[in-house]
Amino acid sequence: MRRLLDVLCDPTRLKIVRALRDNQLAASDLARVLGRSRSATSQHLRVLREAEVVHAARHGNVVRYRLADDLNAEILEDIAAAFDRLEPASP
C-alpha cells in the first residue's frame, strides 16, 4: 500500500489513473488528455507499470494501457480525493 501511495502522490500519475478508470488508452491519447509530451507521459506510465498499477497490451503497433485488474477503482478514487484535499487552492 505504501508503494501505491508513493506512486499516486504525483498529480500527473493520479490524472493518468483517473483517465484509465473507465478506458484503455494509448500513451499518445493520455498525453493529449494531460497536455504533456508523449515522452513525459511515457515516463509516468513506466513508474505506474513498475508499481503494477497499470498494464500494457500491444494491439498492432499501438500499446494501450489499462488499470490493473486487482485495483479497486473505488479505493483509487478515495485516494485521489484525499490528495486533492491536500493540494493548495489556486489563487
Protein backbone atom coordinates (compact mmCIF):
# COMPACT_ATOMS: atom_id res chain seq x y z
CA MET A 1 0.00 0.00 0.00
CA ARG A 2 2.90 2.35 0.80
CA ARG A 3 4.29 1.95 -2.75
CA LEU A 4 0.85 2.68 -4.23
CA LEU A 5 0.56 5.87 -2.20
CA ASP A 6 4.09 6.96 -3.16
CA VAL A 7 3.31 6.43 -6.83
CA LEU A 8 -0.02 8.24 -6.67
CA CYS A 9 1.39 11.27 -4.84
CA ASP A 10 2.33 12.71 -8.22
CA PRO A 11 -0.58 14.73 -9.70
CA THR A 12 0.21 13.61 -13.25
CA ARG A 13 0.16 9.93 -12.35
CA LEU A 14 -3.06 10.46 -10.45
CA LYS A 15 -4.60 12.03 -13.57
CA ILE A 16 -3.45 9.04 -15.62
CA VAL A 17 -5.12 6.64 -13.18
CA ARG A 18 -8.31 8.66 -13.32
CA ALA A 19 -8.25 8.70 -17.12
CA LEU A 20 -7.78 4.93 -17.20
CA ARG A 21 -10.51 4.22 -14.70
CA ASP A 22 -13.13 3.55 -17.39
CA ASN A 23 -10.98 3.41 -20.55
CA GLN A 24 -7.98 1.77 -22.15
CA LEU A 25 -5.81 4.47 -23.71
CA ALA A 26 -2.57 4.74 -25.66
CA ALA A 27 0.27 6.93 -24.39
CA SER A 28 -0.44 9.50 -27.12
CA ASP A 29 -4.10 9.71 -26.03
CA LEU A 30 -3.04 10.16 -22.42
CA ALA A 31 -0.52 12.83 -23.42
CA ARG A 32 -3.31 14.78 -25.12
CA VAL A 33 -5.57 14.46 -22.08
CA LEU A 34 -2.77 15.60 -19.78
CA GLY A 35 -1.45 18.34 -22.03
CA ARG A 36 2.07 16.87 -21.77
CA SER A 37 4.55 15.43 -24.21
CA ARG A 38 4.33 11.76 -25.12
CA SER A 39 7.79 11.12 -23.65
CA ALA A 40 6.90 12.75 -20.31
CA THR A 41 3.68 10.73 -20.22
CA SER A 42 5.60 7.54 -21.03
CA GLN A 43 7.93 8.14 -18.07
CA HIS A 44 4.93 8.35 -15.74
CA LEU A 45 3.45 5.22 -17.32
CA ARG A 46 6.73 3.39 -16.68
CA VAL A 47 6.51 4.21 -12.96
CA LEU A 48 2.87 3.06 -12.89
CA ARG A 49 3.77 -0.19 -14.69
CA GLU A 50 6.64 -0.91 -12.30
CA ALA A 51 4.27 -0.42 -9.36
CA GLU A 52 1.78 -2.74 -11.10
CA VAL A 53 -0.89 -0.05 -11.14
CA VAL A 54 -1.33 -0.26 -14.93
CA HIS A 55 -0.83 -2.99 -17.50
CA ALA A 56 0.15 -2.53 -21.13
CA ALA A 57 -1.20 -4.56 -24.05
CA ARG A 58 0.06 -4.26 -27.60
CA HIS A 59 -2.56 -4.04 -30.37
CA GLY A 60 -0.63 -3.93 -33.65
CA ASN A 61 1.80 -1.04 -33.30
CA VAL A 62 -0.19 0.67 -30.53
CA VAL A 63 0.27 -0.05 -26.84
CA ARG A 64 -2.87 0.52 -24.79
CA TYR A 65 -2.80 0.94 -21.04
CA ARG A 66 -5.41 -0.14 -18.51
CA LEU A 67 -5.65 -0.27 -14.75
CA ALA A 68 -4.55 -3.49 -13.13
CA ASP A 69 -7.48 -5.84 -12.59
CA ASP A 70 -6.86 -6.19 -8.87
CA LEU A 71 -7.03 -2.46 -8.19
CA ASN A 72 -10.32 -1.37 -6.75
CA ALA A 73 -11.49 1.76 -8.58
CA GLU A 74 -13.38 2.99 -5.53
CA ILE A 75 -10.25 2.84 -3.36
CA LEU A 76 -8.28 4.69 -6.04
CA GLU A 77 -10.92 7.41 -6.16
CA ASP A 78 -10.82 7.74 -2.37
CA ILE A 79 -7.04 8.11 -2.51
CA ALA A 80 -7.35 10.68 -5.31
CA ALA A 81 -9.92 12.67 -3.34
CA ALA A 82 -7.65 12.67 -0.30
CA PHE A 83 -4.72 14.00 -2.37
CA ASP A 84 -7.00 16.63 -3.93
CA ARG A 85 -7.80 17.95 -0.45
CA LEU A 86 -4.09 18.20 0.32
CA GLU A 87 -3.31 20.35 -2.72
CA PRO A 88 -3.30 24.09 -2.03
CA ALA A 89 -6.14 26.01 -3.59
CA SER A 90 -5.33 28.09 -6.66
CA PRO A 91 -5.23 31.87 -6.06
